[in-house]
Amino acid sequence: MRTIFIVAVFTLALNLGAVHTAYSENTDAGSSEEKYMQSEDQFVNNDNQWEVFTTTMATARIENGQYLIENKTESGELFILHHADFPLGKEFIIETSIKTTKSSDNNIYGFVIGASDASNSYVFQIVQNKNYSVKIVQHGDAQEIAGGAIRTRVFQKDSFNSLRIEKIGPTMRFYINNFFIDEVSEITLFGKKIGFFIEGKSEIAIDYTRSQIWFD
């Protein structure tokens, strides 16, 4: 199977957006400050320098507030990685909203996080709009570490669906449209890149990415 690697190498401070906030809350034990950073990209432009290209095998473009990625090969895999400088060892919530705009029978797409490169990453996948799969890709070998059927009421076919990942300590929890579906423990991320994955001849549209990262 042919794999296409498209890697953006821009080094920015969390290219998911430019919104940074610190949040404080009071507890019964007194006043405490919980600091975190929030970021969001709604693709109204390409200020965050996501990869944009056109080739015979794949395309990626920003249009009408969406990031559109197309894999033109029937059996190929497409990774697009973005150097978001995502901090390792921190607790976080990261989310994206995706829908299929063109698809073949073997359509698989997903959200990539914790990647050092396409051969070392984690992928939260939607398989033929029926199943979910969480895979660890290590040295180019993919292994499913969680997966199963998606309940009909959870997933909206032909519409945008949010994929959310929460990392608390060494555990990652996975959500589709705010429904908890699975979790995996003892997770160590490979690197700071995030991105998207498509397998099979198809196109996806990404409506936004957003994250919240807690400081120590």
N, C-alpha and C. Protein backbone atom coordinates (compact mmCIF):
# COMPACT_ATOMS: atom_id res chain seq x y z
N MET A 1 0.84 -1.19 0.00
CA MET A 1 0.00 0.00 0.00
C MET A 1 0.88 1.24 0.00
N ARG A 2 0.59 2.16 -0.87
CA ARG A 2 1.39 3.37 -0.97
C ARG A 2 0.96 4.37 0.09
N THR A 3 1.93 4.92 0.78
CA THR A 3 1.66 5.91 1.81
C THR A 3 2.25 7.24 1.39
N ILE A 4 1.45 8.30 1.50
CA ILE A 4 1.89 9.64 1.15
C ILE A 4 2.13 10.40 2.44
N PHE A 5 3.31 10.94 2.61
CA PHE A 5 3.61 11.72 3.80
C PHE A 5 3.72 13.18 3.42
N ILE A 6 2.88 14.00 3.98
CA ILE A 6 2.96 15.44 3.78
C ILE A 6 3.18 16.05 5.15
N VAL A 7 4.34 16.64 5.38
CA VAL A 7 4.69 17.14 6.71
C VAL A 7 5.00 18.62 6.64
N ALA A 8 4.27 19.41 7.40
CA ALA A 8 4.58 20.83 7.50
C ALA A 8 5.67 21.00 8.55
N VAL A 9 6.66 21.82 8.27
CA VAL A 9 7.80 21.95 9.17
C VAL A 9 7.88 23.35 9.78
N PHE A 10 6.78 24.07 9.75
CA PHE A 10 6.78 25.40 10.35
C PHE A 10 6.87 25.27 11.87
N THR A 11 7.71 26.06 12.49
CA THR A 11 7.87 26.03 13.93
C THR A 11 7.23 27.27 14.52
N LEU A 12 6.01 27.08 15.02
CA LEU A 12 5.27 28.17 15.64
C LEU A 12 4.87 27.74 17.03
N ALA A 13 4.46 28.69 17.83
CA ALA A 13 4.02 28.37 19.19
C ALA A 13 2.56 27.96 19.12
N LEU A 14 2.32 26.67 19.03
CA LEU A 14 1.00 26.08 18.99
C LEU A 14 0.15 26.67 17.89
N ASN A 15 0.32 26.14 16.70
CA ASN A 15 -0.32 26.69 15.52
C ASN A 15 -1.81 26.40 15.42
N LEU A 16 -2.44 26.00 16.47
CA LEU A 16 -3.88 25.80 16.44
C LEU A 16 -4.61 27.12 16.54
N GLY A 17 -3.92 28.20 16.84
CA GLY A 17 -4.59 29.49 16.93
C GLY A 17 -3.76 30.45 17.74
N ALA A 18 -4.29 31.63 17.96
CA ALA A 18 -3.50 32.65 18.63
C ALA A 18 -4.22 33.19 19.86
N VAL A 19 -5.09 32.39 20.45
CA VAL A 19 -5.83 32.83 21.63
C VAL A 19 -5.21 32.18 22.84
N HIS A 20 -4.77 32.97 23.80
CA HIS A 20 -4.14 32.45 25.01
C HIS A 20 -4.85 33.05 26.22
N THR A 21 -5.30 32.20 27.14
CA THR A 21 -6.00 32.70 28.32
C THR A 21 -5.52 31.98 29.57
N ALA A 22 -5.62 32.64 30.69
CA ALA A 22 -5.38 32.01 31.99
C ALA A 22 -6.67 32.06 32.77
N TYR A 23 -7.02 30.95 33.40
CA TYR A 23 -8.31 30.80 34.06
C TYR A 23 -8.10 30.60 35.54
N SER A 24 -8.89 31.26 36.36
CA SER A 24 -8.80 31.11 37.81
C SER A 24 -10.14 30.66 38.35
N GLU A 25 -10.12 29.77 39.34
CA GLU A 25 -11.36 29.36 39.97
C GLU A 25 -11.14 29.23 41.47
N ASN A 26 -12.18 29.42 42.24
CA ASN A 26 -12.12 29.30 43.68
C ASN A 26 -12.59 27.92 44.10
N THR A 27 -11.96 27.37 45.12
CA THR A 27 -12.37 26.09 45.67
C THR A 27 -12.70 26.28 47.13
N ASP A 28 -13.29 25.24 47.76
CA ASP A 28 -13.65 25.33 49.17
C ASP A 28 -12.43 25.50 50.06
N ALA A 29 -11.30 25.03 49.59
CA ALA A 29 -10.08 25.12 50.39
C ALA A 29 -9.43 26.50 50.29
N GLY A 30 -10.03 27.38 49.54
CA GLY A 30 -9.45 28.71 49.37
C GLY A 30 -9.30 29.03 47.90
N SER A 31 -8.52 30.01 47.63
CA SER A 31 -8.36 30.47 46.25
C SER A 31 -7.20 29.73 45.59
N SER A 32 -7.44 29.20 44.43
CA SER A 32 -6.39 28.54 43.66
C SER A 32 -6.50 29.00 42.22
N GLU A 33 -5.39 28.98 41.54
CA GLU A 33 -5.36 29.41 40.16
C GLU A 33 -4.98 28.25 39.27
N GLU A 34 -5.84 27.98 38.32
CA GLU A 34 -5.58 26.92 37.36
C GLU A 34 -5.27 27.57 36.02
N LYS A 35 -4.05 27.40 35.56
CA LYS A 35 -3.62 28.09 34.35
C LYS A 35 -3.60 27.12 33.17
N TYR A 36 -4.12 27.59 32.08
CA TYR A 36 -4.08 26.80 30.87
C TYR A 36 -4.04 27.72 29.66
N MET A 37 -3.76 27.13 28.52
CA MET A 37 -3.73 27.87 27.26
C MET A 37 -4.80 27.30 26.34
N GLN A 38 -5.59 28.17 25.74
CA GLN A 38 -6.62 27.78 24.79
C GLN A 38 -6.22 28.26 23.39
N SER A 39 -6.49 27.45 22.39
CA SER A 39 -6.20 27.82 21.02
C SER A 39 -7.28 27.26 20.10
N GLU A 40 -7.50 27.97 18.99
CA GLU A 40 -8.52 27.53 18.05
C GLU A 40 -8.16 28.01 16.65
N ASP A 41 -8.44 27.16 15.66
CA ASP A 41 -8.27 27.53 14.27
C ASP A 41 -9.57 27.20 13.54
N GLN A 42 -10.22 28.22 12.98
CA GLN A 42 -11.48 28.04 12.26
C GLN A 42 -11.29 28.12 10.75
N PHE A 43 -10.05 28.17 10.31
CA PHE A 43 -9.70 28.12 8.89
C PHE A 43 -10.37 29.23 8.07
N VAL A 44 -10.49 30.40 8.66
CA VAL A 44 -10.97 31.55 7.89
C VAL A 44 -9.87 32.07 6.97
N ASN A 45 -8.63 31.70 7.29
CA ASN A 45 -7.48 32.00 6.45
C ASN A 45 -6.42 30.94 6.75
N ASN A 46 -5.24 31.16 6.29
CA ASN A 46 -4.18 30.19 6.58
C ASN A 46 -3.04 30.85 7.34
N ASP A 47 -3.39 31.70 8.31
CA ASP A 47 -2.37 32.35 9.12
C ASP A 47 -1.50 31.34 9.86
N ASN A 48 -2.07 30.17 10.18
CA ASN A 48 -1.31 29.15 10.91
C ASN A 48 -0.53 28.22 10.00
N GLN A 49 -0.57 28.51 8.70
CA GLN A 49 0.31 27.86 7.73
C GLN A 49 0.17 26.33 7.69
N TRP A 50 -1.08 25.88 7.59
CA TRP A 50 -1.31 24.47 7.30
C TRP A 50 -0.83 24.18 5.87
N GLU A 51 -0.47 22.95 5.64
CA GLU A 51 0.03 22.57 4.33
C GLU A 51 -1.06 22.70 3.26
N VAL A 52 -0.76 23.42 2.20
CA VAL A 52 -1.66 23.60 1.06
C VAL A 52 -0.91 23.19 -0.20
N PHE A 53 -1.50 22.31 -1.01
CA PHE A 53 -0.78 21.79 -2.18
C PHE A 53 -1.76 21.13 -3.14
N THR A 54 -1.31 20.89 -4.36
CA THR A 54 -2.06 20.14 -5.36
C THR A 54 -1.08 19.25 -6.11
N THR A 55 -1.34 17.93 -6.05
CA THR A 55 -0.53 16.98 -6.79
C THR A 55 -1.48 16.00 -7.49
N THR A 56 -0.91 15.07 -8.25
CA THR A 56 -1.74 14.06 -8.90
C THR A 56 -2.29 13.05 -7.90
N MET A 57 -1.70 12.98 -6.72
CA MET A 57 -2.09 11.98 -5.73
C MET A 57 -2.95 12.54 -4.60
N ALA A 58 -2.85 13.84 -4.34
CA ALA A 58 -3.58 14.41 -3.21
C ALA A 58 -3.64 15.92 -3.34
N THR A 59 -4.59 16.52 -2.64
CA THR A 59 -4.69 17.97 -2.57
C THR A 59 -5.08 18.38 -1.15
N ALA A 60 -4.71 19.60 -0.81
CA ALA A 60 -5.13 20.20 0.45
C ALA A 60 -5.29 21.69 0.23
N ARG A 61 -6.41 22.23 0.67
CA ARG A 61 -6.68 23.65 0.45
C ARG A 61 -7.60 24.17 1.55
N ILE A 62 -7.59 25.49 1.73
CA ILE A 62 -8.50 26.15 2.66
C ILE A 62 -9.49 26.94 1.83
N GLU A 63 -10.78 26.67 2.10
CA GLU A 63 -11.83 27.26 1.27
C GLU A 63 -13.12 27.38 2.09
N ASN A 64 -13.71 28.57 2.09
CA ASN A 64 -14.99 28.81 2.77
C ASN A 64 -14.96 28.39 4.23
N GLY A 65 -13.86 28.70 4.91
CA GLY A 65 -13.75 28.41 6.33
C GLY A 65 -13.55 26.95 6.66
N GLN A 66 -13.08 26.15 5.70
CA GLN A 66 -12.83 24.74 5.93
C GLN A 66 -11.47 24.35 5.36
N TYR A 67 -10.85 23.37 5.98
CA TYR A 67 -9.62 22.79 5.46
C TYR A 67 -10.02 21.51 4.73
N LEU A 68 -9.84 21.47 3.42
CA LEU A 68 -10.27 20.36 2.59
C LEU A 68 -9.06 19.54 2.16
N ILE A 69 -9.11 18.23 2.44
CA ILE A 69 -8.01 17.33 2.12
C ILE A 69 -8.57 16.18 1.30
N GLU A 70 -7.94 15.92 0.16
CA GLU A 70 -8.40 14.84 -0.72
C GLU A 70 -7.27 13.86 -1.01
N ASN A 71 -7.55 12.59 -0.81
CA ASN A 71 -6.65 11.52 -1.22
C ASN A 71 -7.19 10.95 -2.54
N LYS A 72 -6.41 11.04 -3.59
CA LYS A 72 -6.88 10.64 -4.91
C LYS A 72 -6.55 9.19 -5.26
N THR A 73 -5.88 8.48 -4.37
CA THR A 73 -5.49 7.10 -4.64
C THR A 73 -6.44 6.14 -3.94
N GLU A 74 -6.86 5.11 -4.65
CA GLU A 74 -7.87 4.19 -4.13
C GLU A 74 -7.38 3.40 -2.92
N SER A 75 -6.11 3.02 -2.94
CA SER A 75 -5.60 2.17 -1.87
C SER A 75 -4.50 2.84 -1.04
N GLY A 76 -4.26 4.11 -1.28
CA GLY A 76 -3.16 4.77 -0.59
C GLY A 76 -3.56 5.38 0.74
N GLU A 77 -2.56 5.68 1.55
CA GLU A 77 -2.74 6.37 2.83
C GLU A 77 -2.12 7.76 2.73
N LEU A 78 -2.80 8.73 3.29
CA LEU A 78 -2.32 10.11 3.27
C LEU A 78 -2.22 10.64 4.70
N PHE A 79 -1.04 11.04 5.10
CA PHE A 79 -0.81 11.73 6.37
C PHE A 79 -0.46 13.18 6.07
N ILE A 80 -1.14 14.11 6.72
CA ILE A 80 -0.73 15.51 6.71
C ILE A 80 -0.45 15.90 8.15
N LEU A 81 0.79 16.25 8.43
CA LEU A 81 1.20 16.60 9.78
C LEU A 81 1.56 18.08 9.85
N HIS A 82 1.25 18.66 10.99
CA HIS A 82 1.46 20.09 11.21
C HIS A 82 2.25 20.27 12.49
N HIS A 83 3.34 21.05 12.40
CA HIS A 83 4.19 21.25 13.58
C HIS A 83 3.53 22.25 14.52
N ALA A 84 2.68 21.74 15.39
CA ALA A 84 1.94 22.60 16.30
C ALA A 84 2.71 22.89 17.59
N ASP A 85 3.88 22.29 17.77
CA ASP A 85 4.66 22.45 18.99
C ASP A 85 3.83 22.04 20.20
N PHE A 86 3.06 20.97 20.04
CA PHE A 86 2.17 20.50 21.11
C PHE A 86 3.01 19.96 22.26
N PRO A 87 2.83 20.48 23.47
CA PRO A 87 3.73 20.13 24.57
C PRO A 87 3.56 18.70 25.05
N LEU A 88 4.67 18.00 25.20
CA LEU A 88 4.64 16.65 25.71
C LEU A 88 4.52 16.66 27.24
N GLY A 89 3.87 15.65 27.77
CA GLY A 89 3.77 15.50 29.21
C GLY A 89 2.73 16.37 29.88
N LYS A 90 1.97 17.14 29.12
CA LYS A 90 0.94 18.00 29.69
C LYS A 90 -0.42 17.33 29.57
N GLU A 91 -1.34 17.74 30.43
CA GLU A 91 -2.73 17.32 30.28
C GLU A 91 -3.42 18.26 29.31
N PHE A 92 -4.31 17.70 28.48
CA PHE A 92 -4.91 18.54 27.46
C PHE A 92 -6.25 17.99 27.00
N ILE A 93 -6.98 18.84 26.33
CA ILE A 93 -8.14 18.47 25.54
C ILE A 93 -7.89 19.00 24.14
N ILE A 94 -8.04 18.16 23.13
CA ILE A 94 -7.88 18.62 21.76
C ILE A 94 -9.04 18.06 20.94
N GLU A 95 -9.56 18.87 20.04
CA GLU A 95 -10.79 18.51 19.34
C GLU A 95 -10.76 19.03 17.91
N THR A 96 -11.40 18.29 17.03
CA THR A 96 -11.60 18.74 15.66
C THR A 96 -12.99 18.33 15.21
N SER A 97 -13.47 18.95 14.13
CA SER A 97 -14.77 18.62 13.56
C SER A 97 -14.57 18.28 12.10
N ILE A 98 -14.99 17.07 11.70
CA ILE A 98 -14.70 16.53 10.37
C ILE A 98 -15.96 15.96 9.74
N LYS A 99 -16.07 16.08 8.42
CA LYS A 99 -17.07 15.32 7.69
C LYS A 99 -16.47 14.85 6.36
N THR A 100 -17.07 13.80 5.81
CA THR A 100 -16.66 13.28 4.51
C THR A 100 -17.43 14.02 3.43
N THR A 101 -16.72 14.52 2.42
CA THR A 101 -17.38 15.18 1.30
C THR A 101 -17.39 14.30 0.04
N LYS A 102 -16.40 13.41 -0.06
CA LYS A 102 -16.36 12.39 -1.11
C LYS A 102 -15.82 11.12 -0.46
N SER A 103 -16.34 9.98 -0.85
CA SER A 103 -15.84 8.76 -0.21
C SER A 103 -15.97 7.56 -1.13
N SER A 104 -15.09 6.60 -0.90
CA SER A 104 -15.16 5.29 -1.54
C SER A 104 -15.56 4.27 -0.48
N ASP A 105 -15.68 3.03 -0.88
CA ASP A 105 -16.17 2.01 0.05
C ASP A 105 -15.21 1.77 1.21
N ASN A 106 -13.93 1.99 1.00
CA ASN A 106 -12.94 1.72 2.05
C ASN A 106 -12.48 3.00 2.73
N ASN A 107 -13.35 3.99 2.78
CA ASN A 107 -12.99 5.30 3.33
C ASN A 107 -12.69 5.21 4.83
N ILE A 108 -11.49 5.67 5.19
CA ILE A 108 -11.08 5.80 6.60
C ILE A 108 -10.42 7.16 6.75
N TYR A 109 -10.76 7.86 7.80
CA TYR A 109 -10.12 9.15 8.05
C TYR A 109 -9.98 9.34 9.55
N GLY A 110 -9.10 10.27 9.93
CA GLY A 110 -8.92 10.45 11.35
C GLY A 110 -8.06 11.65 11.72
N PHE A 111 -7.95 11.84 13.02
CA PHE A 111 -7.22 12.93 13.66
C PHE A 111 -5.93 12.36 14.21
N VAL A 112 -4.81 12.96 13.86
CA VAL A 112 -3.49 12.49 14.28
C VAL A 112 -2.97 13.41 15.39
N ILE A 113 -2.48 12.82 16.47
CA ILE A 113 -1.86 13.61 17.53
C ILE A 113 -0.59 12.92 18.00
N GLY A 114 0.21 13.67 18.76
CA GLY A 114 1.39 13.10 19.40
C GLY A 114 2.38 12.49 18.44
N ALA A 115 2.50 13.08 17.24
CA ALA A 115 3.36 12.50 16.21
C ALA A 115 4.74 13.15 16.20
N SER A 116 5.76 12.34 16.03
CA SER A 116 7.08 12.86 15.69
C SER A 116 7.23 12.89 14.18
N ASP A 117 6.58 11.93 13.52
CA ASP A 117 6.48 11.87 12.06
C ASP A 117 5.34 10.90 11.76
N ALA A 118 5.07 10.66 10.47
CA ALA A 118 3.95 9.80 10.11
C ALA A 118 4.16 8.36 10.55
N SER A 119 5.40 7.96 10.76
CA SER A 119 5.70 6.58 11.17
C SER A 119 5.62 6.38 12.67
N ASN A 120 5.43 7.47 13.42
CA ASN A 120 5.34 7.39 14.88
C ASN A 120 4.29 8.39 15.34
N SER A 121 3.08 7.88 15.56
CA SER A 121 1.96 8.78 15.85
C SER A 121 0.80 7.99 16.46
N TYR A 122 -0.22 8.72 16.89
CA TYR A 122 -1.50 8.15 17.31
C TYR A 122 -2.58 8.67 16.37
N VAL A 123 -3.50 7.79 15.97
CA VAL A 123 -4.57 8.17 15.05
C VAL A 123 -5.91 7.74 15.60
N PHE A 124 -6.82 8.70 15.75
CA PHE A 124 -8.20 8.45 16.16
C PHE A 124 -9.02 8.40 14.87
N GLN A 125 -9.45 7.20 14.44
CA GLN A 125 -10.00 7.00 13.11
C GLN A 125 -11.51 6.73 13.13
N ILE A 126 -12.15 7.15 12.04
CA ILE A 126 -13.51 6.74 11.73
C ILE A 126 -13.44 5.84 10.50
N VAL A 127 -13.99 4.65 10.62
CA VAL A 127 -13.87 3.64 9.57
C VAL A 127 -15.22 3.46 8.89
N GLN A 128 -15.30 3.89 7.64
CA GLN A 128 -16.50 3.75 6.80
C GLN A 128 -17.74 4.32 7.49
N ASN A 129 -17.54 5.31 8.32
CA ASN A 129 -18.62 5.98 9.05
C ASN A 129 -19.45 5.02 9.90
N LYS A 130 -18.84 3.88 10.28
CA LYS A 130 -19.55 2.88 11.07
C LYS A 130 -18.82 2.50 12.35
N ASN A 131 -17.49 2.53 12.29
CA ASN A 131 -16.68 2.08 13.41
C ASN A 131 -15.63 3.13 13.75
N TYR A 132 -15.11 3.05 14.97
CA TYR A 132 -13.99 3.89 15.35
C TYR A 132 -12.80 2.99 15.65
N SER A 133 -11.62 3.55 15.52
CA SER A 133 -10.41 2.82 15.80
C SER A 133 -9.35 3.78 16.31
N VAL A 134 -8.67 3.41 17.35
CA VAL A 134 -7.53 4.18 17.86
C VAL A 134 -6.29 3.34 17.60
N LYS A 135 -5.35 3.91 16.85
CA LYS A 135 -4.16 3.15 16.48
C LYS A 135 -2.90 3.87 16.94
N ILE A 136 -1.95 3.08 17.35
CA ILE A 136 -0.61 3.59 17.58
C ILE A 136 0.24 3.14 16.39
N VAL A 137 0.89 4.11 15.77
CA VAL A 137 1.79 3.81 14.65
C VAL A 137 3.20 4.01 15.17
N GLN A 138 3.97 2.93 15.18
CA GLN A 138 5.32 2.98 15.74
C GLN A 138 6.28 2.34 14.75
N HIS A 139 7.26 3.10 14.31
CA HIS A 139 8.22 2.66 13.30
C HIS A 139 7.50 2.18 12.04
N GLY A 140 6.37 2.83 11.73
CA GLY A 140 5.63 2.50 10.52
C GLY A 140 4.63 1.37 10.66
N ASP A 141 4.64 0.67 11.78
CA ASP A 141 3.70 -0.44 12.01
C ASP A 141 2.52 0.05 12.85
N ALA A 142 1.31 -0.14 12.33
CA ALA A 142 0.10 0.31 13.02
C ALA A 142 -0.51 -0.82 13.83
N GLN A 143 -0.89 -0.50 15.06
CA GLN A 143 -1.55 -1.47 15.92
C GLN A 143 -2.77 -0.83 16.56
N GLU A 144 -3.90 -1.50 16.46
CA GLU A 144 -5.12 -0.98 17.08
C GLU A 144 -5.07 -1.20 18.58
N ILE A 145 -5.29 -0.14 19.34
CA ILE A 145 -5.29 -0.24 20.80
C ILE A 145 -6.67 -0.02 21.39
N ALA A 146 -7.63 0.37 20.55
CA ALA A 146 -9.03 0.48 20.96
C ALA A 146 -9.86 0.54 19.69
N GLY A 147 -11.12 0.12 19.80
CA GLY A 147 -11.97 0.17 18.61
C GLY A 147 -13.32 -0.48 18.86
N GLY A 148 -14.23 -0.24 17.93
CA GLY A 148 -15.55 -0.83 18.05
C GLY A 148 -16.55 -0.13 17.15
N ALA A 149 -17.80 -0.55 17.24
CA ALA A 149 -18.87 0.04 16.45
C ALA A 149 -19.30 1.37 17.05
N ILE A 150 -19.74 2.27 16.18
CA ILE A 150 -20.26 3.56 16.63
C ILE A 150 -21.78 3.48 16.68
N ARG A 151 -22.36 3.81 17.80
CA ARG A 151 -23.81 3.80 17.89
C ARG A 151 -24.42 4.83 16.94
N THR A 152 -25.55 4.48 16.37
CA THR A 152 -26.20 5.34 15.38
C THR A 152 -26.50 6.72 15.94
N ARG A 153 -26.93 6.80 17.16
CA ARG A 153 -27.29 8.10 17.74
C ARG A 153 -26.07 8.97 18.04
N VAL A 154 -24.89 8.38 18.04
CA VAL A 154 -23.67 9.12 18.34
C VAL A 154 -23.13 9.82 17.11
N PHE A 155 -23.23 9.17 15.96
CA PHE A 155 -22.57 9.65 14.74
C PHE A 155 -23.60 10.16 13.74
N GLN A 156 -23.28 11.29 13.09
CA GLN A 156 -24.17 11.89 12.11
C GLN A 156 -23.54 11.76 10.72
N LYS A 157 -24.03 10.83 9.95
CA LYS A 157 -23.48 10.60 8.62
C LYS A 157 -23.75 11.81 7.72
N ASP A 158 -22.77 12.15 6.89
CA ASP A 158 -22.85 13.26 5.95
C ASP A 158 -22.92 14.62 6.64
N SER A 159 -22.57 14.67 7.90
CA SER A 159 -22.53 15.92 8.66
C SER A 159 -21.19 16.01 9.39
N PHE A 160 -20.90 17.19 9.91
CA PHE A 160 -19.69 17.34 10.72
C PHE A 160 -19.86 16.59 12.03
N ASN A 161 -18.81 15.88 12.42
CA ASN A 161 -18.77 15.17 13.70
C ASN A 161 -17.50 15.59 14.44
N SER A 162 -17.64 15.86 15.71
CA SER A 162 -16.47 16.26 16.49
C SER A 162 -15.76 15.02 17.05
N LEU A 163 -14.45 15.03 16.94
CA LEU A 163 -13.60 14.02 17.55
C LEU A 163 -12.79 14.72 18.63
N ARG A 164 -12.93 14.28 19.87
CA ARG A 164 -12.24 14.93 20.98
C ARG A 164 -11.40 13.91 21.74
N ILE A 165 -10.21 14.35 22.11
CA ILE A 165 -9.29 13.52 22.88
C ILE A 165 -8.91 14.29 24.13
N GLU A 166 -9.05 13.65 25.27
CA GLU A 166 -8.65 14.24 26.55
C GLU A 166 -7.52 13.41 27.13
N LYS A 167 -6.42 14.05 27.46
CA LYS A 167 -5.31 13.35 28.10
C LYS A 167 -5.23 13.81 29.55
N ILE A 168 -5.44 12.85 30.46
CA ILE A 168 -5.36 13.11 31.90
C ILE A 168 -4.35 12.12 32.47
N GLY A 169 -3.21 12.65 32.90
CA GLY A 169 -2.13 11.76 33.31
C GLY A 169 -1.70 10.91 32.13
N PRO A 170 -1.55 9.59 32.32
CA PRO A 170 -1.14 8.73 31.21
C PRO A 170 -2.32 8.16 30.43
N THR A 171 -3.54 8.63 30.71
CA THR A 171 -4.74 8.08 30.08
C THR A 171 -5.30 9.05 29.05
N MET A 172 -5.67 8.52 27.88
CA MET A 172 -6.36 9.31 26.88
C MET A 172 -7.79 8.78 26.75
N ARG A 173 -8.74 9.72 26.75
CA ARG A 173 -10.15 9.38 26.59
C ARG A 173 -10.65 9.93 25.27
N PHE A 174 -11.51 9.19 24.61
CA PHE A 174 -11.94 9.51 23.26
C PHE A 174 -13.44 9.73 23.22
N TYR A 175 -13.84 10.80 22.51
CA TYR A 175 -15.25 11.18 22.41
C TYR A 175 -15.61 11.44 20.96
N ILE A 176 -16.85 11.09 20.60
CA ILE A 176 -17.44 11.49 19.32
C ILE A 176 -18.70 12.27 19.63
N ASN A 177 -18.76 13.52 19.17
CA ASN A 177 -19.91 14.39 19.43
C ASN A 177 -20.28 14.42 20.91
N ASN A 178 -19.25 14.55 21.74
CA ASN A 178 -19.38 14.65 23.20
C ASN A 178 -19.82 13.36 23.88
N PHE A 179 -19.93 12.26 23.14
CA PHE A 179 -20.21 10.96 23.73
C PHE A 179 -18.90 10.24 23.99
N PHE A 180 -18.67 9.85 25.24
CA PHE A 180 -17.48 9.08 25.58
C PHE A 180 -17.59 7.70 24.94
N ILE A 181 -16.51 7.28 24.24
CA ILE A 181 -16.57 5.98 23.59
C ILE A 181 -15.49 5.01 24.05
N ASP A 182 -14.34 5.52 24.53
CA ASP A 182 -13.27 4.59 24.91
C ASP A 182 -12.17 5.35 25.63
N GLU A 183 -11.26 4.59 26.23
CA GLU A 183 -10.06 5.19 26.81
C GLU A 183 -8.90 4.20 26.74
N VAL A 184 -7.70 4.75 26.74
CA VAL A 184 -6.48 3.95 26.68
C VAL A 184 -5.51 4.49 27.71
N SER A 185 -4.91 3.61 28.49
CA SER A 185 -3.99 4.03 29.56
C SER A 185 -2.54 3.83 29.14
N GLU A 186 -1.65 4.38 29.97
CA GLU A 186 -0.20 4.26 29.78
C GLU A 186 0.23 4.77 28.40
N ILE A 187 -0.19 6.00 28.09
CA ILE A 187 0.12 6.61 26.81
C ILE A 187 1.33 7.53 26.94
N THR A 188 2.28 7.37 26.05
CA THR A 188 3.41 8.27 25.93
C THR A 188 3.46 8.78 24.49
N LEU A 189 3.31 10.07 24.31
CA LEU A 189 3.28 10.63 22.97
C LEU A 189 4.68 10.62 22.36
N PHE A 190 4.73 10.49 21.04
CA PHE A 190 6.00 10.44 20.33
C PHE A 190 6.58 11.83 20.08
N GLY A 191 5.71 12.78 19.75
CA GLY A 191 6.19 14.10 19.38
C GLY A 191 5.09 15.14 19.47
N LYS A 192 5.37 16.32 18.92
CA LYS A 192 4.51 17.49 19.12
C LYS A 192 3.62 17.82 17.93
N LYS A 193 3.63 16.98 16.91
CA LYS A 193 2.85 17.29 15.71
C LYS A 193 1.43 16.73 15.80
N ILE A 194 0.51 17.44 15.16
CA ILE A 194 -0.85 16.96 15.00
C ILE A 194 -1.16 16.95 13.50
N GLY A 195 -2.31 16.42 13.13
CA GLY A 195 -2.65 16.43 11.71
C GLY A 195 -3.84 15.55 11.41
N PHE A 196 -3.89 15.09 10.15
CA PHE A 196 -5.04 14.33 9.67
C PHE A 196 -4.57 13.17 8.81
N PHE A 197 -5.45 12.17 8.72
CA PHE A 197 -5.13 10.93 8.02
C PHE A 197 -6.32 10.53 7.15
N ILE A 198 -6.04 10.09 5.91
CA ILE A 198 -7.08 9.55 5.04
C ILE A 198 -6.54 8.28 4.38
N GLU A 199 -7.36 7.24 4.35
CA GLU A 199 -7.04 6.03 3.62
C GLU A 199 -8.16 5.77 2.62
N GLY A 200 -7.80 5.50 1.39
CA GLY A 200 -8.80 5.30 0.35
C GLY A 200 -9.11 6.59 -0.37
N LYS A 201 -9.69 6.46 -1.54
CA LYS A 201 -10.00 7.61 -2.38
C LYS A 201 -11.18 8.38 -1.80
N SER A 202 -10.90 9.54 -1.25
CA SER A 202 -11.95 10.30 -0.58
C SER A 202 -11.46 11.70 -0.24
N GLU A 203 -12.40 12.53 0.20
CA GLU A 203 -12.08 13.90 0.62
C GLU A 203 -12.78 14.17 1.94
N ILE A 204 -12.09 14.87 2.83
CA ILE A 204 -12.69 15.29 4.09
C ILE A 204 -12.61 16.80 4.22
N ALA A 205 -13.54 17.35 4.99
CA ALA A 205 -13.54 18.78 5.32
C ALA A 205 -13.39 18.92 6.82
N ILE A 206 -12.47 19.78 7.24
CA ILE A 206 -12.26 20.05 8.66
C ILE A 206 -12.79 21.44 8.96
N ASP A 207 -13.69 21.53 9.91
CA ASP A 207 -14.34 22.81 10.24
C ASP A 207 -13.51 23.63 11.22
N TYR A 208 -12.86 22.96 12.18
CA TYR A 208 -12.04 23.67 13.16
C TYR A 208 -11.13 22.69 13.87
N THR A 209 -10.12 23.21 14.51
CA THR A 209 -9.36 22.50 15.54
C THR A 209 -9.30 23.42 16.74
N ARG A 210 -9.35 22.83 17.93
CA ARG A 210 -9.20 23.65 19.14
C ARG A 210 -8.56 22.81 20.23
N SER A 211 -7.90 23.49 21.14
CA SER A 211 -7.24 22.76 22.23
C SER A 211 -7.23 23.58 23.51
N GLN A 212 -7.05 22.86 24.59
CA GLN A 212 -6.86 23.47 25.91
C GLN A 212 -5.78 22.66 26.61
N ILE A 213 -4.71 23.34 26.99
CA ILE A 213 -3.54 22.68 27.57
C ILE A 213 -3.27 23.26 28.94
N TRP A 214 -3.15 22.38 29.93
CA TRP A 214 -2.91 22.82 31.31
C TRP A 214 -1.42 22.90 31.58
N PHE A 215 -1.02 23.97 32.27
CA PHE A 215 0.36 24.10 32.71
C PHE A 215 0.54 23.38 34.04
N ASP A 216 1.77 23.05 34.37
CA ASP A 216 2.06 22.42 35.66
C ASP A 216 1.81 23.40 36.80
